Amino acid sequence: MSAYLITGASIVGGAVADLLIDDGEIVAVGTDVAKPADAETIDATGLVALPGLVDLHTHLREPGREDAETVFTGTQAAAKGGFTAVFAMANTDPVADTAGVVEQVWRLGRDAGYADVYPIGAVTVGRKGTQLAELGAMADSAARVRVFSDDGDCVWDAALMRRALEYVKAFGGVIAQHAQEPRLTQGAQMNEGALSGVLGLTGWPSVAEEAIIARDILLNAHVGSKLHICHLSTKGSVEIVRAAKRRGLEVTAEVTPHHLLLTEDLAASYNPVYKVNPPLRTKADVEAVREGLADGTIDIVATDHAPHPVEDKDCEWSAAAPGMTGLETALSVVQHAMVDTKLLTWDEIADRMSYRPAAIGQSAEHGRPLEAGAPANIVLYDPRVEQTVVPDTSVSLSRNTPFEGMTLPGKVVATFLRGRPTVLDGELLQ
C-alpha cells in the first residue's frame, strides 16, 4: 500500500493542513509534515478534506435485482460520491431477514473493496409486517447487524413495532422506520394537495408520515429503545421530531438530498423519474427540512439511493417504480441546498454526513475525525467547480437521477478507503 501526502487541504475547523497517510491510517496532520521518500504527493490546495461519508440508507438491490444494481456497482457509485461506508437496505430478493442473507451482502461488500457495506436486516419476515425476523441471529452473525428496517414498507402494526423496539434493546440495536400509514396512502402517486388534484394523481398526505412518526416516538419513549426515522419529508414531521428532542426522547431522523432541493411541482411533467416514496413535497416542506437539518432536529443526510432499470421508469407515471439514484450527486446537492445558502458549514456537513450516521449505525471504523491514528477514510472535494449532471456518466447500473441536466456545484476529487484510493483525480480506480 502506497503512502500519500495530501498537502494544503482545508480540514474540519477551517485550518489548512497536510495529511500523511500510510499503512491505512492517518499518520500525521499539520502544517509542516515531512514527506517520506516513498510517499506520493496530492496537491489539495483549495480542496475540502472531509472524513469519508457514511450513507445510512442505500439500496444495493443484490441479491435478486442485479439488473438494477449490484453490491459491486453500488459501492463504486458510493466511492465516486465520496462515501466510504454504506448501509444496505433489506428489500432484496430474498429479503435480508436471516443471518445467511446479511452475511452474503456483507461479504460481497468486502470482496468489492470500494466501500464498507453494513447490511440492514429486515424487521419482519419477508418484510410482510406479521412476524418478527431473526433479529438476534442477524445481530450475532458475521455481519454484526445493528440497524433493522422494513424500508419500502412501514411496520404498521403498533404491537409488532413495540416488540421490535423491545427486542433490539438486548444488543443496542436500532429500528429504522419507513413512516407511511398504508391505509392513508393506498394508490398514492404524489404529494396530496391542490396540484395532485389538478394532475389527477392520487395524493400521499403528509399526515400519513406524521402519524406513524408520532406513534413510534411514543412507543419508543415507553420502551426505552432506539428509533430512527427514515427519509423524513414534511414540515409537520420536523415539528414532531423537534418536540420529541426537546423532551429528551431518543429518536434520530434523516433527510434525503432530493427532499432538500426538489418540490412536487416537478410531477407536473409526468416524468416518472420524479416519482419517489415519500413523494416530493411543497416548497414550505423543503424549507422546513432544511431548517431541521441546520438546527440538528434532523440528524443526518441519507441518500435513499434507489436504482431502477430503464423499463421500471420508462413508462407511465402510475406504473413506474418509486425511487431515485443519489450516491454520486449527494454531496453536490447538499452543498447547493445547505452550504451555498449559509445554512451549514463544512464542519457541520462532516457531522451530518459522516460522524452522526456512523454513530447511529454503530460503525467504529467510520465517522472519525481527520487526526493522527484514525483510519484513513477521507474524501477530497472541490467546492469551486460546477458540473452538469449527465446520467450516462454514472457508474451505477441505473440512470434514474432526478438531477439530469441540472448544474450542481462541487466535485469529488479523491476518495480513500483505509488509505487506499478508490477515486483519484475525479476518476474511479479499477
Protein backbone atom coordinates (compact mmCIF):
# COMPACT_ATOMS: atom_id res chain seq x y z
CA MET A 1 0.00 0.00 0.00
CA SER A 2 1.39 3.38 -1.03
CA ALA A 3 1.85 6.30 1.33
CA TYR A 4 0.23 9.61 0.37
CA LEU A 5 0.96 13.14 1.48
CA ILE A 6 -2.08 15.37 0.94
CA THR A 7 -0.93 18.98 1.01
CA GLY A 8 -2.81 22.23 1.57
CA ALA A 9 -6.28 20.81 2.26
CA SER A 10 -8.93 22.69 4.21
CA ILE A 11 -9.81 20.38 7.08
CA VAL A 12 -12.55 20.43 9.71
CA GLY A 13 -12.16 23.55 11.79
CA GLY A 14 -11.22 25.65 8.78
CA ALA A 15 -7.47 25.15 9.09
CA VAL A 16 -5.29 24.46 6.07
CA ALA A 17 -3.11 21.43 6.73
CA ASP A 18 -1.24 18.48 5.27
CA LEU A 19 -2.27 14.89 5.92
CA LEU A 20 0.13 11.98 5.73
CA ILE A 21 -1.46 8.59 5.04
CA ASP A 22 0.43 5.33 5.48
CA ASP A 23 -0.49 1.72 6.19
CA GLY A 24 -4.21 2.51 6.20
CA GLU A 25 -4.03 5.24 8.83
CA ILE A 26 -3.62 8.97 9.09
CA VAL A 27 -0.07 9.22 10.41
CA ALA A 28 0.24 12.97 10.81
CA VAL A 29 -1.78 16.16 10.38
CA GLY A 30 -0.20 19.60 10.43
CA THR A 31 1.33 22.48 8.51
CA ASP A 32 4.85 21.14 8.39
CA VAL A 33 4.50 17.42 7.70
CA ALA A 34 7.66 15.85 6.29
CA LYS A 35 7.25 13.81 3.15
CA PRO A 36 8.57 10.23 3.31
CA ALA A 37 10.69 9.19 0.35
CA ASP A 38 8.13 6.63 -0.84
CA ALA A 39 5.04 8.85 -0.49
CA GLU A 40 3.00 10.17 -3.41
CA THR A 41 2.00 13.82 -3.13
CA ILE A 42 -1.52 15.08 -3.79
CA ASP A 43 -1.89 18.84 -4.07
CA ALA A 44 -5.17 19.63 -2.30
CA THR A 45 -4.95 23.41 -2.45
CA GLY A 46 -8.49 24.76 -2.47
CA LEU A 47 -10.00 21.37 -1.66
CA VAL A 48 -12.06 20.47 1.38
CA ALA A 49 -10.93 17.33 3.23
CA LEU A 50 -13.79 15.51 4.94
CA PRO A 51 -13.95 12.20 6.77
CA GLY A 52 -15.26 9.52 4.43
CA LEU A 53 -19.00 9.94 4.03
CA VAL A 54 -21.38 7.37 5.54
CA ASP A 55 -24.78 6.62 3.99
CA LEU A 56 -27.26 5.07 6.40
CA HIS A 57 -29.81 4.38 3.65
CA THR A 58 -28.68 2.72 0.39
CA HIS A 59 -30.41 0.20 -1.86
CA LEU A 60 -27.84 -2.10 -3.45
CA ARG A 61 -30.51 -4.47 -4.87
CA GLU A 62 -28.35 -7.59 -4.61
CA PRO A 63 -29.42 -10.36 -4.23
CA GLY A 64 -32.34 -10.52 -6.63
CA ARG A 65 -32.34 -7.34 -8.74
CA GLU A 66 -28.86 -7.31 -10.22
CA ASP A 67 -30.37 -5.71 -13.33
CA ALA A 68 -30.80 -2.51 -11.28
CA GLU A 69 -27.64 -2.56 -9.15
CA THR A 70 -25.13 -4.89 -7.57
CA VAL A 71 -23.06 -4.53 -4.44
CA PHE A 72 -20.05 -4.00 -6.70
CA THR A 73 -21.55 -1.24 -8.87
CA GLY A 74 -23.38 0.36 -5.96
CA THR A 75 -20.22 0.67 -3.91
CA GLN A 76 -18.40 2.04 -6.94
CA ALA A 77 -21.08 4.74 -7.12
CA ALA A 78 -20.63 5.31 -3.40
CA ALA A 79 -16.88 5.81 -3.79
CA LYS A 80 -17.44 8.20 -6.71
CA GLY A 81 -19.70 10.22 -4.40
CA GLY A 82 -17.17 10.31 -1.54
CA PHE A 83 -18.73 7.56 0.59
CA THR A 84 -16.55 5.02 2.35
CA ALA A 85 -19.40 3.17 4.08
CA VAL A 86 -22.98 2.39 3.13
CA PHE A 87 -25.79 0.66 4.97
CA ALA A 88 -27.63 -1.66 2.57
CA MET A 89 -31.41 -1.85 2.94
CA ALA A 90 -33.11 -5.20 3.33
CA ASN A 91 -35.62 -5.08 0.45
CA THR A 92 -33.72 -7.57 -1.68
CA ASP A 93 -34.91 -10.90 -3.09
CA PRO A 94 -34.59 -12.94 -0.98
CA VAL A 95 -35.24 -10.40 1.74
CA ALA A 96 -32.33 -9.80 4.12
CA ASP A 97 -34.22 -11.28 7.06
CA THR A 98 -31.80 -14.09 8.02
CA ALA A 99 -28.19 -14.36 9.07
CA GLY A 100 -27.36 -16.08 5.79
CA VAL A 101 -28.56 -13.25 3.55
CA VAL A 102 -27.00 -10.41 5.55
CA GLU A 103 -23.68 -12.29 5.63
CA GLN A 104 -23.87 -12.71 1.84
CA VAL A 105 -24.32 -8.95 1.34
CA TRP A 106 -21.56 -8.17 3.84
CA ARG A 107 -19.09 -10.49 2.09
CA LEU A 108 -19.97 -9.09 -1.33
CA GLY A 109 -19.08 -5.66 0.02
CA ARG A 110 -15.75 -6.88 1.35
CA ASP A 111 -14.92 -8.53 -1.97
CA ALA A 112 -15.82 -5.40 -3.96
CA GLY A 113 -13.50 -3.20 -1.90
CA TYR A 114 -14.91 0.21 -2.84
CA ALA A 115 -16.83 0.94 0.38
CA ASP A 116 -17.62 -0.94 3.55
CA VAL A 117 -21.10 -2.45 3.38
CA TYR A 118 -23.16 -2.78 6.54
CA PRO A 119 -26.31 -4.81 5.86
CA ILE A 120 -29.57 -3.62 7.40
CA GLY A 121 -31.75 -6.51 8.49
CA ALA A 122 -35.49 -6.69 7.93
CA VAL A 123 -37.68 -6.15 10.98
CA THR A 124 -40.27 -8.71 9.88
CA VAL A 125 -40.12 -11.96 7.94
CA GLY A 126 -40.24 -11.17 4.24
CA ARG A 127 -40.97 -7.54 5.19
CA LYS A 128 -44.60 -8.63 5.38
CA GLY A 129 -45.30 -6.99 8.73
CA THR A 130 -46.72 -10.02 10.51
CA GLN A 131 -43.85 -11.80 12.30
CA LEU A 132 -40.52 -10.60 13.67
CA ALA A 133 -37.49 -11.69 11.66
CA GLU A 134 -34.38 -13.34 13.14
CA LEU A 135 -33.11 -10.11 14.69
CA GLY A 136 -30.84 -11.77 17.22
CA ALA A 137 -29.32 -14.16 14.69
CA MET A 138 -28.56 -11.28 12.32
CA ALA A 139 -27.02 -9.32 15.18
CA ASP A 140 -24.80 -12.27 16.10
CA SER A 141 -23.82 -13.04 12.51
CA ALA A 142 -20.52 -12.12 10.87
CA ALA A 143 -22.29 -9.01 9.51
CA ARG A 144 -22.98 -7.81 13.09
CA VAL A 145 -26.24 -6.14 12.07
CA ARG A 146 -27.31 -3.28 14.33
CA VAL A 147 -29.88 -1.45 12.19
CA PHE A 148 -33.18 -3.07 11.18
CA SER A 149 -35.79 -1.76 8.76
CA ASP A 150 -38.62 -2.91 6.52
CA ASP A 151 -37.91 0.15 4.36
CA GLY A 152 -40.17 0.28 1.36
CA ASP A 153 -42.91 -0.76 3.76
CA CYS A 154 -43.94 0.53 7.16
CA VAL A 155 -44.05 -1.61 10.28
CA TRP A 156 -47.64 -0.50 10.62
CA ASP A 157 -48.73 -2.84 13.45
CA ALA A 158 -48.14 -0.96 16.72
CA ALA A 159 -47.83 -4.14 18.80
CA LEU A 160 -45.25 -5.60 16.43
CA MET A 161 -43.33 -2.32 16.36
CA ARG A 162 -43.26 -2.31 20.15
CA ARG A 163 -41.90 -5.87 20.23
CA ALA A 164 -39.20 -4.99 17.71
CA LEU A 165 -38.09 -2.00 19.78
CA GLU A 166 -38.01 -4.16 22.90
CA TYR A 167 -36.10 -6.98 21.20
CA VAL A 168 -33.22 -4.88 19.85
CA LYS A 169 -32.58 -3.37 23.29
CA ALA A 170 -30.76 -6.58 24.18
CA PHE A 171 -27.87 -5.70 21.86
CA GLY A 172 -28.30 -1.95 21.44
CA GLY A 173 -29.92 -2.18 18.01
CA VAL A 174 -31.87 0.46 16.13
CA ILE A 175 -35.25 0.22 14.40
CA ALA A 176 -35.35 2.44 11.32
CA GLN A 177 -38.95 3.14 10.36
CA HIS A 178 -40.36 3.86 6.92
CA ALA A 179 -43.11 6.15 8.19
CA GLN A 180 -46.14 5.57 6.00
CA GLU A 181 -49.60 4.69 7.25
CA PRO A 182 -50.66 2.27 4.49
CA ARG A 183 -54.38 2.87 4.85
CA LEU A 184 -53.92 6.56 4.15
CA THR A 185 -51.74 6.02 1.07
CA GLN A 186 -53.49 3.34 -0.95
CA GLY A 187 -52.78 4.01 -4.61
CA ALA A 188 -50.88 7.20 -3.74
CA GLN A 189 -48.77 8.65 -6.55
CA MET A 190 -47.54 12.05 -5.34
CA ASN A 191 -47.91 14.58 -2.53
CA GLU A 192 -51.54 15.24 -1.65
CA GLY A 193 -52.54 18.84 -2.31
CA ALA A 194 -54.01 21.18 -4.88
CA LEU A 195 -51.52 20.06 -7.52
CA SER A 196 -52.37 16.36 -7.17
CA GLY A 197 -56.00 17.27 -7.80
CA VAL A 198 -55.11 19.26 -10.90
CA LEU A 199 -52.90 16.46 -12.25
CA GLY A 200 -55.42 13.74 -11.43
CA LEU A 201 -52.93 11.74 -9.38
CA THR A 202 -53.89 10.11 -6.08
CA GLY A 203 -52.36 12.04 -3.20
CA TRP A 204 -49.98 10.89 -0.43
CA PRO A 205 -50.95 13.08 2.55
CA SER A 206 -48.38 14.46 4.97
CA VAL A 207 -50.36 13.07 7.89
CA ALA A 208 -49.64 9.51 6.70
CA GLU A 209 -45.99 10.13 7.56
CA GLU A 210 -46.54 12.28 10.63
CA ALA A 211 -48.99 9.90 12.34
CA ILE A 212 -46.53 7.00 12.25
CA ILE A 213 -43.64 9.17 13.46
CA ALA A 214 -45.71 10.44 16.40
CA ARG A 215 -46.89 6.93 17.28
CA ASP A 216 -43.41 5.42 17.13
CA ILE A 217 -41.83 8.19 19.19
CA LEU A 218 -44.41 7.49 21.92
CA LEU A 219 -43.83 3.74 21.66
CA ASN A 220 -40.09 4.22 21.90
CA ALA A 221 -40.44 6.53 24.89
CA HIS A 222 -42.39 3.77 26.60
CA VAL A 223 -39.92 1.02 25.67
CA GLY A 224 -36.66 2.99 26.03
CA SER A 225 -35.03 1.71 22.86
CA LYS A 226 -33.53 3.37 19.75
CA LEU A 227 -35.74 4.69 16.96
CA HIS A 228 -34.57 6.17 13.65
CA ILE A 229 -36.92 7.87 11.17
CA CYS A 230 -36.12 7.21 7.52
CA HIS A 231 -36.43 9.91 4.79
CA LEU A 232 -38.41 12.49 6.81
CA SER A 233 -40.11 14.82 4.31
CA THR A 234 -42.73 17.14 5.81
CA LYS A 235 -42.86 20.28 7.89
CA GLY A 236 -45.13 18.53 10.37
CA SER A 237 -42.67 15.67 10.77
CA VAL A 238 -39.89 18.14 11.57
CA GLU A 239 -42.06 19.74 14.24
CA ILE A 240 -42.92 16.37 15.81
CA VAL A 241 -39.27 15.27 15.99
CA ARG A 242 -38.20 18.68 17.29
CA ALA A 243 -40.76 18.48 20.10
CA ALA A 244 -39.62 14.96 20.97
CA LYS A 245 -35.99 16.01 21.18
CA ARG A 246 -36.89 18.94 23.40
CA ARG A 247 -38.42 16.38 25.76
CA GLY A 248 -35.19 14.40 25.69
CA LEU A 249 -36.68 11.40 23.88
CA GLU A 250 -34.37 9.05 21.99
CA VAL A 251 -35.09 9.50 18.30
CA THR A 252 -32.93 10.25 15.28
CA ALA A 253 -34.01 11.22 11.78
CA GLU A 254 -32.69 11.55 8.25
CA VAL A 255 -33.49 13.62 5.18
CA THR A 256 -32.58 12.79 1.60
CA PRO A 257 -30.77 15.15 -0.78
CA HIS A 258 -33.77 15.21 -3.12
CA HIS A 259 -36.13 16.31 -0.34
CA LEU A 260 -33.71 19.15 0.43
CA LEU A 261 -33.93 20.50 -3.11
CA LEU A 262 -36.83 19.29 -5.25
CA THR A 263 -40.56 20.03 -4.93
CA GLU A 264 -43.83 18.46 -6.02
CA ASP A 265 -44.06 20.88 -8.97
CA LEU A 266 -41.84 18.51 -10.95
CA ALA A 267 -44.68 15.96 -11.01
CA ALA A 268 -46.46 18.26 -13.48
CA SER A 269 -44.09 16.88 -16.13
CA TYR A 270 -45.50 13.39 -15.56
CA ASN A 271 -41.89 12.20 -15.84
CA PRO A 272 -41.62 9.12 -13.57
CA VAL A 273 -38.01 9.99 -12.70
CA TYR A 274 -39.61 12.34 -10.15
CA LYS A 275 -41.75 9.62 -8.58
CA VAL A 276 -40.40 8.68 -5.15
CA ASN A 277 -41.58 7.44 -1.76
CA PRO A 278 -42.13 9.54 0.27
CA PRO A 279 -43.07 11.91 -2.55
CA LEU A 280 -41.52 15.26 -3.32
CA ARG A 281 -43.33 17.77 -1.14
CA THR A 282 -44.07 21.50 -1.16
CA LYS A 283 -41.68 24.44 -1.05
CA ALA A 284 -42.69 25.00 2.59
CA ASP A 285 -41.73 21.40 3.39
CA VAL A 286 -38.36 21.83 1.68
CA GLU A 287 -37.68 24.96 3.72
CA ALA A 288 -38.70 23.13 6.91
CA VAL A 289 -36.45 20.12 6.35
CA ARG A 290 -33.54 22.41 5.52
CA GLU A 291 -34.13 24.29 8.77
CA GLY A 292 -34.45 21.00 10.65
CA LEU A 293 -31.15 19.73 9.27
CA ALA A 294 -29.47 23.03 10.09
CA ASP A 295 -30.61 23.14 13.73
CA GLY A 296 -29.95 19.44 14.39
CA THR A 297 -33.57 18.30 14.61
CA ILE A 298 -32.79 16.11 11.61
CA ASP A 299 -29.57 14.32 12.45
CA ILE A 300 -28.23 13.22 9.09
CA VAL A 301 -28.43 13.25 5.32
CA ALA A 302 -29.03 9.79 3.82
CA THR A 303 -29.30 9.24 0.09
CA ASP A 304 -32.05 6.58 -0.20
CA HIS A 305 -30.16 5.63 -3.37
CA ALA A 306 -32.83 3.61 -5.20
CA PRO A 307 -31.66 2.42 -8.62
CA HIS A 308 -34.14 1.03 -11.14
CA PRO A 309 -33.69 -0.47 -14.61
CA VAL A 310 -34.95 1.55 -17.57
CA GLU A 311 -38.16 -0.42 -18.01
CA ASP A 312 -39.27 0.37 -14.44
CA LYS A 313 -39.05 4.11 -15.08
CA ASP A 314 -39.61 4.49 -18.84
CA CYS A 315 -43.37 4.03 -18.57
CA GLU A 316 -46.46 5.91 -17.49
CA TRP A 317 -46.31 7.54 -14.05
CA SER A 318 -48.79 5.25 -12.31
CA ALA A 319 -46.94 2.11 -13.41
CA ALA A 320 -43.45 3.38 -12.57
CA ALA A 321 -41.45 2.23 -9.57
CA PRO A 322 -40.74 4.93 -6.97
CA GLY A 323 -37.14 5.87 -6.28
CA MET A 324 -34.13 7.90 -7.37
CA THR A 325 -30.39 7.34 -7.52
CA GLY A 326 -28.38 9.59 -5.24
CA LEU A 327 -24.94 8.41 -4.18
CA GLU A 328 -22.92 10.23 -6.83
CA THR A 329 -24.75 13.56 -6.54
CA ALA A 330 -25.41 13.72 -2.78
CA LEU A 331 -22.55 15.96 -1.72
CA SER A 332 -23.14 18.40 -4.58
CA VAL A 333 -26.85 18.66 -3.78
CA VAL A 334 -26.13 19.21 -0.10
CA GLN A 335 -23.57 21.90 -0.94
CA HIS A 336 -26.14 23.62 -3.16
CA ALA A 337 -29.00 23.38 -0.65
CA MET A 338 -27.18 23.84 2.64
CA VAL A 339 -23.63 25.22 2.28
CA ASP A 340 -24.08 27.73 -0.52
CA THR A 341 -27.19 29.02 1.31
CA LYS A 342 -25.12 29.50 4.52
CA LEU A 343 -27.31 27.07 6.46
CA LEU A 344 -24.43 24.68 7.22
CA THR A 345 -20.65 24.91 7.30
CA TRP A 346 -18.31 22.21 6.03
CA ASP A 347 -17.66 21.22 9.64
CA GLU A 348 -21.39 20.61 10.03
CA ILE A 349 -21.50 18.67 6.77
CA ALA A 350 -18.87 16.34 8.24
CA ASP A 351 -21.18 15.92 11.23
CA ARG A 352 -24.38 15.28 9.25
CA MET A 353 -22.82 13.05 6.57
CA SER A 354 -20.07 11.19 8.45
CA TYR A 355 -19.91 11.47 12.23
CA ARG A 356 -23.59 11.11 13.07
CA PRO A 357 -24.59 8.42 10.54
CA ALA A 358 -21.62 6.32 11.67
CA ALA A 359 -22.67 6.79 15.29
CA ILE A 360 -26.31 5.84 14.60
CA GLY A 361 -25.18 2.80 12.62
CA GLN A 362 -22.57 1.94 15.27
CA SER A 363 -19.63 1.80 12.89
CA ALA A 364 -16.40 2.36 14.81
CA GLU A 365 -14.25 2.37 11.66
CA HIS A 366 -16.00 5.33 10.07
CA GLY A 367 -17.11 8.81 11.09
CA ARG A 368 -13.77 9.54 12.75
CA PRO A 369 -12.11 12.98 12.81
CA LEU A 370 -9.16 13.52 10.48
CA GLU A 371 -6.45 13.13 13.09
CA ALA A 372 -3.36 11.03 13.64
CA GLY A 373 -4.22 7.43 14.44
CA ALA A 374 -7.60 7.43 12.73
CA PRO A 375 -8.38 5.12 9.80
CA ALA A 376 -7.57 6.95 6.55
CA ASN A 377 -11.16 7.19 5.31
CA ILE A 378 -11.04 10.53 3.54
CA VAL A 379 -12.77 12.43 0.74
CA LEU A 380 -11.19 15.40 -1.04
CA TYR A 381 -13.82 17.67 -2.53
CA ASP A 382 -13.59 20.73 -4.75
CA PRO A 383 -16.49 23.08 -3.94
CA ARG A 384 -15.39 25.67 -6.52
CA VAL A 385 -16.27 23.84 -9.72
CA GLU A 386 -19.65 23.21 -11.33
CA GLN A 387 -20.83 20.14 -13.20
CA THR A 388 -23.90 19.32 -15.26
CA VAL A 389 -25.47 16.00 -14.28
CA VAL A 390 -25.29 13.55 -17.19
CA PRO A 391 -26.83 10.14 -16.34
CA ASP A 392 -24.73 8.24 -18.87
CA THR A 393 -21.56 9.13 -16.95
CA SER A 394 -22.84 7.44 -13.79
CA VAL A 395 -21.07 4.33 -12.58
CA SER A 396 -24.31 2.97 -11.14
CA LEU A 397 -26.09 0.41 -13.31
CA SER A 398 -29.20 2.62 -13.28
CA ARG A 399 -29.82 6.09 -14.70
CA ASN A 400 -32.88 7.29 -12.78
CA THR A 401 -31.42 10.53 -11.43
CA PRO A 402 -33.85 13.42 -10.90
CA PHE A 403 -30.99 15.88 -11.35
CA GLU A 404 -30.39 15.19 -15.04
CA GLY A 405 -29.40 18.38 -16.84
CA MET A 406 -29.01 20.37 -13.63
CA THR A 407 -25.78 22.23 -13.00
CA LEU A 408 -24.62 21.49 -9.47
CA PRO A 409 -21.59 22.73 -7.55
CA GLY A 410 -18.63 20.67 -6.46
CA LYS A 411 -16.78 17.51 -7.43
CA VAL A 412 -15.28 14.60 -5.51
CA VAL A 413 -11.60 14.65 -6.44
CA ALA A 414 -10.38 11.70 -4.36
CA THR A 415 -11.77 9.07 -2.01
CA PHE A 416 -9.60 6.94 0.28
CA LEU A 417 -10.82 3.78 1.99
CA ARG A 418 -8.40 2.88 4.78
CA GLY A 419 -5.60 4.64 2.94
CA ARG A 420 -6.28 3.02 -0.42
CA PRO A 421 -7.54 5.37 -3.13
CA THR A 422 -10.79 4.32 -4.79
CA VAL A 423 -11.10 7.62 -6.66
CA LEU A 424 -8.21 9.84 -7.84
CA ASP A 425 -8.37 12.96 -10.00
CA GLY A 426 -12.13 12.55 -10.03
CA GLU A 427 -11.95 9.14 -11.70
CA LEU A 428 -12.88 5.78 -10.27
CA LEU A 429 -9.89 3.43 -9.96
CA GLN A 430 -10.46 -0.03 -11.35
